[in-house]
PDB file of N, CA and C in Angstrom:
ATOM      1  N   MET A   1       0.750  -1.056  -0.096  1.00  0.00           N
ATOM      2  CA  MET A   1      -0.190  -0.110  -0.172  1.00  0.00           C
ATOM      3  C   MET A   1       0.830   1.299  -0.030  1.00  0.00           C
ATOM      4  N   SER A   2       0.856   2.120  -0.994  1.00  0.00           N
ATOM      5  CA  SER A   2       1.732   3.111  -1.082  1.00  0.00           C
ATOM      6  C   SER A   2       1.500   4.307  -0.032  1.00  0.00           C
ATOM      7  N   ASN A   3       0.139   4.396   0.669  1.00  0.00           N
ATOM      8  CA  ASN A   3      -0.039   5.521   1.355  1.00  0.00           C
ATOM      9  C   ASN A   3      -0.415   5.005   2.841  1.00  0.00           C
ATOM     10  N   GLU A   4       0.429   4.001   3.221  1.00  0.00           N
ATOM     11  CA  GLU A   4       0.080   3.507   4.516  1.00  0.00           C
ATOM     12  C   GLU A   4       0.312   4.478   5.712  1.00  0.00           C
ATOM     13  N   LYS A   5       1.359   5.337   5.575  1.00  0.00           N
ATOM     14  CA  LYS A   5       1.253   6.471   6.634  1.00  0.00           C
ATOM     15  C   LYS A   5       0.053   7.289   6.579  1.00  0.00           C
ATOM     16  N   GLY A   6      -0.461   7.522   5.453  1.00  0.00           N
ATOM     17  CA  GLY A   6      -1.613   8.257   5.557  1.00  0.00           C
ATOM     18  C   GLY A   6      -2.762   7.692   6.175  1.00  0.00           C
ATOM     19  N   LEU A   7      -2.921   6.282   6.174  1.00  0.00           N
ATOM     20  CA  LEU A   7      -4.072   5.719   7.045  1.00  0.00           C
ATOM     21  C   LEU A   7      -4.068   6.002   8.431  1.00  0.00           C
ATOM     22  N   GLN A   8      -2.590   6.296   8.792  1.00  0.00           N
ATOM     23  CA  GLN A   8      -2.704   6.428  10.449  1.00  0.00           C
ATOM     24  C   GLN A   8      -3.115   7.935  10.694  1.00  0.00           C
ATOM     25  N   ASP A   9      -2.756   8.726   9.790  1.00  0.00           N
ATOM     26  CA  ASP A   9      -3.062  10.158   9.831  1.00  0.00           C
ATOM     27  C   ASP A   9      -4.727  10.618   9.561  1.00  0.00           C
ATOM     28  N   ALA A  10      -5.104   9.780   8.668  1.00  0.00           N
ATOM     29  CA  ALA A  10      -6.584  10.259   8.058  1.00  0.00           C
ATOM     30  C   ALA A  10      -7.546   9.789   9.196  1.00  0.00           C
ATOM     31  N   HIS A  11      -8.558  10.283   9.168  1.00  0.00           N
ATOM     32  CA  HIS A  11      -9.943   9.998   9.805  1.00  0.00           C
ATOM     33  C   HIS A  11     -10.473   8.570   9.458  1.00  0.00           C
ATOM     34  N   VAL A  12     -10.371   7.473  10.150  1.00  0.00           N
ATOM     35  CA  VAL A  12     -10.794   6.249   9.545  1.00  0.00           C
ATOM     36  C   VAL A  12     -11.695   5.518  10.597  1.00  0.00           C
ATOM     37  N   LYS A  13     -12.465   4.662  10.013  1.00  0.00           N
ATOM     38  CA  LYS A  13     -13.451   3.707  10.850  1.00  0.00           C
ATOM     39  C   LYS A  13     -12.719   2.353  10.487  1.00  0.00           C
ATOM     40  N   ILE A  14     -12.224   1.936  11.762  1.00  0.00           N
ATOM     41  CA  ILE A  14     -11.606   0.380  11.490  1.00  0.00           C
ATOM     42  C   ILE A  14     -12.525  -0.653  11.785  1.00  0.00           C
ATOM     43  N   GLY A  15     -12.587  -1.659  10.973  1.00  0.00           N
ATOM     44  CA  GLY A  15     -13.490  -3.036  11.289  1.00  0.00           C
ATOM     45  C   GLY A  15     -14.582  -2.953  10.617  1.00  0.00           C
ATOM     46  N   THR A  16     -15.266  -4.282  10.375  1.00  0.00           N
ATOM     47  CA  THR A  16     -16.298  -4.398   9.189  1.00  0.00           C
ATOM     48  C   THR A  16     -17.515  -3.565   9.770  1.00  0.00           C
ATOM     49  N   LYS A  17     -18.072  -3.741  10.874  1.00  0.00           N
ATOM     50  CA  LYS A  17     -19.172  -3.011  11.222  1.00  0.00           C
ATOM     51  C   LYS A  17     -19.214  -1.472  11.070  1.00  0.00           C
ATOM     52  N   GLN A  18     -18.095  -0.885  11.653  1.00  0.00           N
ATOM     53  CA  GLN A  18     -17.859   0.555  11.425  1.00  0.00           C
ATOM     54  C   GLN A  18     -17.835   0.823   9.894  1.00  0.00           C
ATOM     55  N   THR A  19     -16.972   0.223   9.171  1.00  0.00           N
ATOM     56  CA  THR A  19     -16.720   0.452   7.875  1.00  0.00           C
ATOM     57  C   THR A  19     -18.091   0.509   6.976  1.00  0.00           C
ATOM     58  N   MET A  20     -18.856  -0.637   7.284  1.00  0.00           N
ATOM     59  CA  MET A  20     -20.197  -0.734   6.501  1.00  0.00           C
ATOM     60  C   MET A  20     -21.208   0.438   6.900  1.00  0.00           C
ATOM     61  N   LYS A  21     -21.108   0.819   8.167  1.00  0.00           N
ATOM     62  CA  LYS A  21     -22.129   1.930   8.649  1.00  0.00           C
ATOM     63  C   LYS A  21     -21.595   3.251   7.998  1.00  0.00           C
ATOM     64  N   ALA A  22     -20.235   3.540   7.902  1.00  0.00           N
ATOM     65  CA  ALA A  22     -19.610   4.685   7.158  1.00  0.00           C
ATOM     66  C   ALA A  22     -20.139   4.885   5.951  1.00  0.00           C
ATOM     67  N   VAL A  23     -20.049   3.670   5.079  1.00  0.00           N
ATOM     68  CA  VAL A  23     -20.415   3.672   3.692  1.00  0.00           C
ATOM     69  C   VAL A  23     -21.876   3.978   3.610  1.00  0.00           C
ATOM     70  N   GLU A  24     -22.661   3.138   4.308  1.00  0.00           N
ATOM     71  CA  GLU A  24     -24.130   3.373   4.296  1.00  0.00           C
ATOM     72  C   GLU A  24     -24.669   4.768   4.598  1.00  0.00           C
ATOM     73  N   THR A  25     -24.004   5.456   5.456  1.00  0.00           N
ATOM     74  CA  THR A  25     -24.368   6.640   5.841  1.00  0.00           C
ATOM     75  C   THR A  25     -23.610   7.808   5.123  1.00  0.00           C
ATOM     76  N   GLY A  26     -22.798   7.560   4.052  1.00  0.00           N
ATOM     77  CA  GLY A  26     -22.316   8.475   3.109  1.00  0.00           C
ATOM     78  C   GLY A  26     -21.151   9.118   3.641  1.00  0.00           C
ATOM     79  N   GLN A  27     -20.422   8.570   4.848  1.00  0.00           N
ATOM     80  CA  GLN A  27     -19.298   9.216   5.406  1.00  0.00           C
ATOM     81  C   GLN A  27     -18.009   8.684   4.680  1.00  0.00           C
ATOM     82  N   ALA A  28     -18.018   7.385   3.870  1.00  0.00           N
ATOM     83  CA  ALA A  28     -16.638   7.015   3.558  1.00  0.00           C
ATOM     84  C   ALA A  28     -16.368   7.565   2.091  1.00  0.00           C
ATOM     85  N   ALA A  29     -15.107   8.155   2.249  1.00  0.00           N
ATOM     86  CA  ALA A  29     -14.717   8.373   1.064  1.00  0.00           C
ATOM     87  C   ALA A  29     -13.790   7.325   0.148  1.00  0.00           C
ATOM     88  N   GLU A  30     -13.317   6.356   0.802  1.00  0.00           N
ATOM     89  CA  GLU A  30     -12.887   5.013   0.106  1.00  0.00           C
ATOM     90  C   GLU A  30     -12.656   4.188   1.252  1.00  0.00           C
ATOM     91  N   VAL A  31     -12.494   2.923   0.867  1.00  0.00           N
ATOM     92  CA  VAL A  31     -12.748   1.670   1.594  1.00  0.00           C
ATOM     93  C   VAL A  31     -11.352   0.834   1.211  1.00  0.00           C
ATOM     94  N   TYR A  32     -10.694   0.475   2.165  1.00  0.00           N
ATOM     95  CA  TYR A  32      -9.582  -0.652   1.960  1.00  0.00           C
ATOM     96  C   TYR A  32     -10.081  -1.959   2.728  1.00  0.00           C
ATOM     97  N   VAL A  33      -9.886  -3.082   1.818  1.00  0.00           N
ATOM     98  CA  VAL A  33     -10.301  -4.326   2.192  1.00  0.00           C
ATOM     99  C   VAL A  33      -9.047  -5.229   2.065  1.00  0.00           C
ATOM    100  N   ALA A  34      -8.829  -6.122   3.155  1.00  0.00           N
ATOM    101  CA  ALA A  34      -7.921  -7.174   3.194  1.00  0.00           C
ATOM    102  C   ALA A  34      -8.451  -8.317   2.351  1.00  0.00           C
ATOM    103  N   GLU A  35      -7.540  -8.554   1.260  1.00  0.00           N
ATOM    104  CA  GLU A  35      -8.011  -9.817   0.519  1.00  0.00           C
ATOM    105  C   GLU A  35      -8.005 -11.215   1.343  1.00  0.00           C
ATOM    106  N   ASP A  36      -7.476 -11.005   2.602  1.00  0.00           N
ATOM    107  CA  ASP A  36      -7.675 -12.599   3.155  1.00  0.00           C
ATOM    108  C   ASP A  36      -8.469 -12.608   4.249  1.00  0.00           C
ATOM    109  N   CYS A  37      -9.560 -11.762   4.353  1.00  0.00           N
ATOM    110  CA  CYS A  37     -10.764 -11.729   5.333  1.00  0.00           C
ATOM    111  C   CYS A  37     -11.856 -12.693   4.623  1.00  0.00           C
ATOM    112  N   ASP A  38     -12.721 -13.013   5.345  1.00  0.00           N
ATOM    113  CA  ASP A  38     -13.818 -13.776   4.907  1.00  0.00           C
ATOM    114  C   ASP A  38     -14.349 -13.338   3.779  1.00  0.00           C
ATOM    115  N   GLN A  39     -14.613 -14.237   2.757  1.00  0.00           N
ATOM    116  CA  GLN A  39     -15.134 -13.965   1.518  1.00  0.00           C
ATOM    117  C   GLN A  39     -16.467 -13.322   1.517  1.00  0.00           C
ATOM    118  N   ARG A  40     -17.328 -13.679   2.400  1.00  0.00           N
ATOM    119  CA  ARG A  40     -18.504 -13.123   2.517  1.00  0.00           C
ATOM    120  C   ARG A  40     -18.607 -11.816   2.712  1.00  0.00           C
ATOM    121  N   LEU A  41     -17.524 -11.444   3.800  1.00  0.00           N
ATOM    122  CA  LEU A  41     -17.549  -9.869   4.117  1.00  0.00           C
ATOM    123  C   LEU A  41     -17.095  -9.000   2.675  1.00  0.00           C
ATOM    124  N   ILE A  42     -16.069  -9.572   1.850  1.00  0.00           N
ATOM    125  CA  ILE A  42     -15.675  -8.822   0.817  1.00  0.00           C
ATOM    126  C   ILE A  42     -16.935  -8.813  -0.207  1.00  0.00           C
ATOM    127  N   THR A  43     -17.632  -9.772  -0.321  1.00  0.00           N
ATOM    128  CA  THR A  43     -18.873  -9.723  -1.137  1.00  0.00           C
ATOM    129  C   THR A  43     -19.873  -8.668  -0.639  1.00  0.00           C
ATOM    130  N   LYS A  44     -20.031  -8.444   0.771  1.00  0.00           N
ATOM    131  CA  LYS A  44     -21.028  -7.698   1.176  1.00  0.00           C
ATOM    132  C   LYS A  44     -20.457  -6.134   1.087  1.00  0.00           C
ATOM    133  N   ILE A  45     -19.276  -5.873   1.342  1.00  0.00           N
ATOM    134  CA  ILE A  45     -18.742  -4.590   1.259  1.00  0.00           C
ATOM    135  C   ILE A  45     -18.619  -4.003  -0.224  1.00  0.00           C
ATOM    136  N   VAL A  46     -18.223  -5.119  -1.029  1.00  0.00           N
ATOM    137  CA  VAL A  46     -18.334  -4.704  -2.621  1.00  0.00           C
ATOM    138  C   VAL A  46     -19.532  -4.351  -3.052  1.00  0.00           C
ATOM    139  N   SER A  47     -20.478  -5.077  -2.619  1.00  0.00           N
ATOM    140  CA  SER A  47     -22.013  -4.564  -3.083  1.00  0.00           C
ATOM    141  C   SER A  47     -22.367  -3.277  -2.468  1.00  0.00           C
ATOM    142  N   LEU A  48     -22.134  -2.929  -1.244  1.00  0.00           N
ATOM    143  CA  LEU A  48     -22.493  -1.856  -0.667  1.00  0.00           C
ATOM    144  C   LEU A  48     -21.686  -0.671  -1.145  1.00  0.00           C
ATOM    145  N   CYS A  49     -20.404  -0.939  -1.447  1.00  0.00           N
ATOM    146  CA  CYS A  49     -19.645   0.269  -2.056  1.00  0.00           C
ATOM    147  C   CYS A  49     -19.935   0.479  -3.602  1.00  0.00           C
ATOM    148  N   SER A  50     -20.382  -0.485  -4.214  1.00  0.00           N
ATOM    149  CA  SER A  50     -20.852  -0.355  -5.466  1.00  0.00           C
ATOM    150  C   SER A  50     -22.277   0.627  -5.504  1.00  0.00           C
ATOM    151  N   LYS A  51     -23.114   0.031  -4.658  1.00  0.00           N
ATOM    152  CA  LYS A  51     -24.244   0.826  -4.499  1.00  0.00           C
ATOM    153  C   LYS A  51     -24.030   2.236  -4.063  1.00  0.00           C
ATOM    154  N   HIS A  52     -23.163   2.640  -3.331  1.00  0.00           N
ATOM    155  CA  HIS A  52     -22.940   4.299  -2.834  1.00  0.00           C
ATOM    156  C   HIS A  52     -21.900   4.669  -3.491  1.00  0.00           C
ATOM    157  N   GLN A  53     -21.469   4.093  -4.520  1.00  0.00           N
ATOM    158  CA  GLN A  53     -20.214   4.609  -5.450  1.00  0.00           C
ATOM    159  C   GLN A  53     -18.903   5.079  -4.657  1.00  0.00           C
ATOM    160  N   VAL A  54     -18.541   4.157  -3.760  1.00  0.00           N
ATOM    161  CA  VAL A  54     -17.290   4.362  -2.951  1.00  0.00           C
ATOM    162  C   VAL A  54     -16.179   3.381  -3.453  1.00  0.00           C
ATOM    163  N   HIS A  55     -15.050   4.041  -3.564  1.00  0.00           N
ATOM    164  CA  HIS A  55     -13.912   3.196  -4.355  1.00  0.00           C
ATOM    165  C   HIS A  55     -13.343   2.488  -3.279  1.00  0.00           C
ATOM    166  N   ILE A  56     -12.956   0.987  -3.710  1.00  0.00           N
ATOM    167  CA  ILE A  56     -12.473   0.113  -2.911  1.00  0.00           C
ATOM    168  C   ILE A  56     -11.007  -0.065  -3.407  1.00  0.00           C
ATOM    169  N   ASN A  57     -10.156  -0.193  -2.425  1.00  0.00           N
ATOM    170  CA  ASN A  57      -8.712  -0.495  -2.628  1.00  0.00           C
ATOM    171  C   ASN A  57      -8.406  -1.770  -1.653  1.00  0.00           C
ATOM    172  N   TYR A  58      -7.773  -2.880  -2.486  1.00  0.00           N
ATOM    173  CA  TYR A  58      -7.470  -4.085  -1.779  1.00  0.00           C
ATOM    174  C   TYR A  58      -6.039  -4.116  -1.451  1.00  0.00           C
ATOM    175  N   VAL A  59      -5.823  -4.625  -0.388  1.00  0.00           N
ATOM    176  CA  VAL A  59      -4.576  -5.074   0.342  1.00  0.00           C
ATOM    177  C   VAL A  59      -4.351  -6.568   0.568  1.00  0.00           C
ATOM    178  N   PRO A  60      -3.118  -6.944   0.708  1.00  0.00           N
ATOM    179  CA  PRO A  60      -2.897  -8.343   0.573  1.00  0.00           C
ATOM    180  C   PRO A  60      -3.386  -8.996   1.931  1.00  0.00           C
ATOM    181  N   THR A  61      -3.143  -8.589   3.168  1.00  0.00           N
ATOM    182  CA  THR A  61      -3.500  -9.131   4.391  1.00  0.00           C
ATOM    183  C   THR A  61      -4.115  -8.234   5.504  1.00  0.00           C
ATOM    184  N   MET A  62      -4.782  -8.782   6.352  1.00  0.00           N
ATOM    185  CA  MET A  62      -5.563  -8.176   7.422  1.00  0.00           C
ATOM    186  C   MET A  62      -4.379  -7.585   8.450  1.00  0.00           C
ATOM    187  N   LYS A  63      -3.323  -8.441   8.696  1.00  0.00           N
ATOM    188  CA  LYS A  63      -2.170  -7.909   9.375  1.00  0.00           C
ATOM    189  C   LYS A  63      -1.608  -6.664   8.909  1.00  0.00           C
ATOM    190  N   GLY A  64      -1.592  -6.623   7.647  1.00  0.00           N
ATOM    191  CA  GLY A  64      -0.976  -5.439   7.046  1.00  0.00           C
ATOM    192  C   GLY A  64      -1.779  -4.146   7.071  1.00  0.00           C
ATOM    193  N   LEU A  65      -3.083  -4.459   6.918  1.00  0.00           N
ATOM    194  CA  LEU A  65      -4.004  -3.355   7.033  1.00  0.00           C
ATOM    195  C   LEU A  65      -4.171  -2.823   8.422  1.00  0.00           C
ATOM    196  N   GLY A  66      -4.154  -3.639   9.444  1.00  0.00           N
ATOM    197  CA  GLY A  66      -4.184  -3.236  10.697  1.00  0.00           C
ATOM    198  C   GLY A  66      -2.758  -2.436  11.018  1.00  0.00           C
ATOM    199  N   GLU A  67      -1.513  -2.829  10.698  1.00  0.00           N
ATOM    200  CA  GLU A  67      -0.426  -2.111  10.846  1.00  0.00           C
ATOM    201  C   GLU A  67      -0.351  -0.760  10.194  1.00  0.00           C
ATOM    202  N   ALA A  68      -1.129  -0.817   8.910  1.00  0.00           N
ATOM    203  CA  ALA A  68      -1.164   0.683   8.276  1.00  0.00           C
ATOM    204  C   ALA A  68      -2.002   1.503   8.886  1.00  0.00           C
ATOM    205  N   CYS A  69      -2.919   1.085   9.893  1.00  0.00           N
ATOM    206  CA  CYS A  69      -3.842   1.968  10.686  1.00  0.00           C
ATOM    207  C   CYS A  69      -3.285   2.232  12.154  1.00  0.00           C
ATOM    208  N   GLY A  70      -2.016   1.686  12.305  1.00  0.00           N
ATOM    209  CA  GLY A  70      -1.383   1.856  13.519  1.00  0.00           C
ATOM    210  C   GLY A  70      -2.132   0.984  14.899  1.00  0.00           C
ATOM    211  N   ILE A  71      -2.683  -0.181  14.430  1.00  0.00           N
ATOM    212  CA  ILE A  71      -3.060  -0.974  15.286  1.00  0.00           C
ATOM    213  C   ILE A  71      -2.347  -2.434  15.492  1.00  0.00           C
ATOM    214  N   GLU A  72      -2.386  -2.980  16.310  1.00  0.00           N
ATOM    215  CA  GLU A  72      -1.638  -4.215  16.744  1.00  0.00           C
ATOM    216  C   GLU A  72      -2.196  -5.416  16.211  1.00  0.00           C
ATOM    217  N   VAL A  73      -3.509  -5.397  15.786  1.00  0.00           N
ATOM    218  CA  VAL A  73      -4.464  -6.473  15.512  1.00  0.00           C
ATOM    219  C   VAL A  73      -4.626  -6.442  13.850  1.00  0.00           C
ATOM    220  N   GLY A  74      -5.041  -7.423  13.162  1.00  0.00           N
ATOM    221  CA  GLY A  74      -5.500  -7.256  11.846  1.00  0.00           C
ATOM    222  C   GLY A  74      -6.909  -6.527  11.832  1.00  0.00           C
ATOM    223  N   ALA A  75      -7.087  -6.094  10.461  1.00  0.00           N
ATOM    224  CA  ALA A  75      -8.280  -5.268  10.238  1.00  0.00           C
ATOM    225  C   ALA A  75      -8.752  -6.075   8.945  1.00  0.00           C
ATOM    226  N   ALA A  76     -10.085  -6.335   8.729  1.00  0.00           N
ATOM    227  CA  ALA A  76     -10.746  -6.821   7.599  1.00  0.00           C
ATOM    228  C   ALA A  76     -10.815  -5.783   6.678  1.00  0.00           C
ATOM    229  N   MET A  77     -11.420  -4.547   7.255  1.00  0.00           N
ATOM    230  CA  MET A  77     -11.574  -3.521   6.246  1.00  0.00           C
ATOM    231  C   MET A  77     -11.505  -2.195   7.029  1.00  0.00           C
ATOM    232  N   VAL A  78     -11.373  -1.137   6.222  1.00  0.00           N
ATOM    233  CA  VAL A  78     -11.265   0.234   6.943  1.00  0.00           C
ATOM    234  C   VAL A  78     -11.818   1.206   5.808  1.00  0.00           C
ATOM    235  N   ALA A  79     -12.500   2.096   6.494  1.00  0.00           N
ATOM    236  CA  ALA A  79     -13.250   3.111   5.710  1.00  0.00           C
ATOM    237  C   ALA A  79     -12.388   4.616   6.090  1.00  0.00           C
ATOM    238  N   VAL A  80     -11.956   5.151   4.966  1.00  0.00           N
ATOM    239  CA  VAL A  80     -11.341   6.615   5.103  1.00  0.00           C
ATOM    240  C   VAL A  80     -12.619   7.544   4.990  1.00  0.00           C
ATOM    241  N   LEU A  81     -12.667   8.275   6.041  1.00  0.00           N
ATOM    242  CA  LEU A  81     -13.884   9.302   5.796  1.00  0.00           C
ATOM    243  C   LEU A  81     -13.663  10.313   5.265  1.00  0.00           C
ATOM    244  N   LYS A  82     -14.753  11.088   4.473  1.00  0.00           N
ATOM    245  CA  LYS A  82     -14.685  12.204   4.043  1.00  0.00           C
ATOM    246  C   LYS A  82     -14.304  13.440   4.828  1.00  0.00           C
ATOM    247  N   SER A  83     -13.250  14.428   4.504  1.00  0.00           N
ATOM    248  CA  SER A  83     -13.021  15.384   5.346  1.00  0.00           C
ATOM    249  C   SER A  83     -14.040  16.645   5.163  1.00  0.00           C
TER     250      SER A  83
END
């Protein structure tokens, strides 16, 4: 991920529930999804982002996405909020 440092500085919602809520309420500017998370979650967020016209970025691992957000556990998905 080219802007990993940026995720630590940006206003983000980390985790599946918070990410989906941010997309549904129109707060998400873009979403990052870990390719190794549950396929059902990927299908849900792809559908939701398509419906709300939110761009999705894919990253290889949940561990890497968590680290990019400055947390010590993996993250399935993250929403970067509109400023």
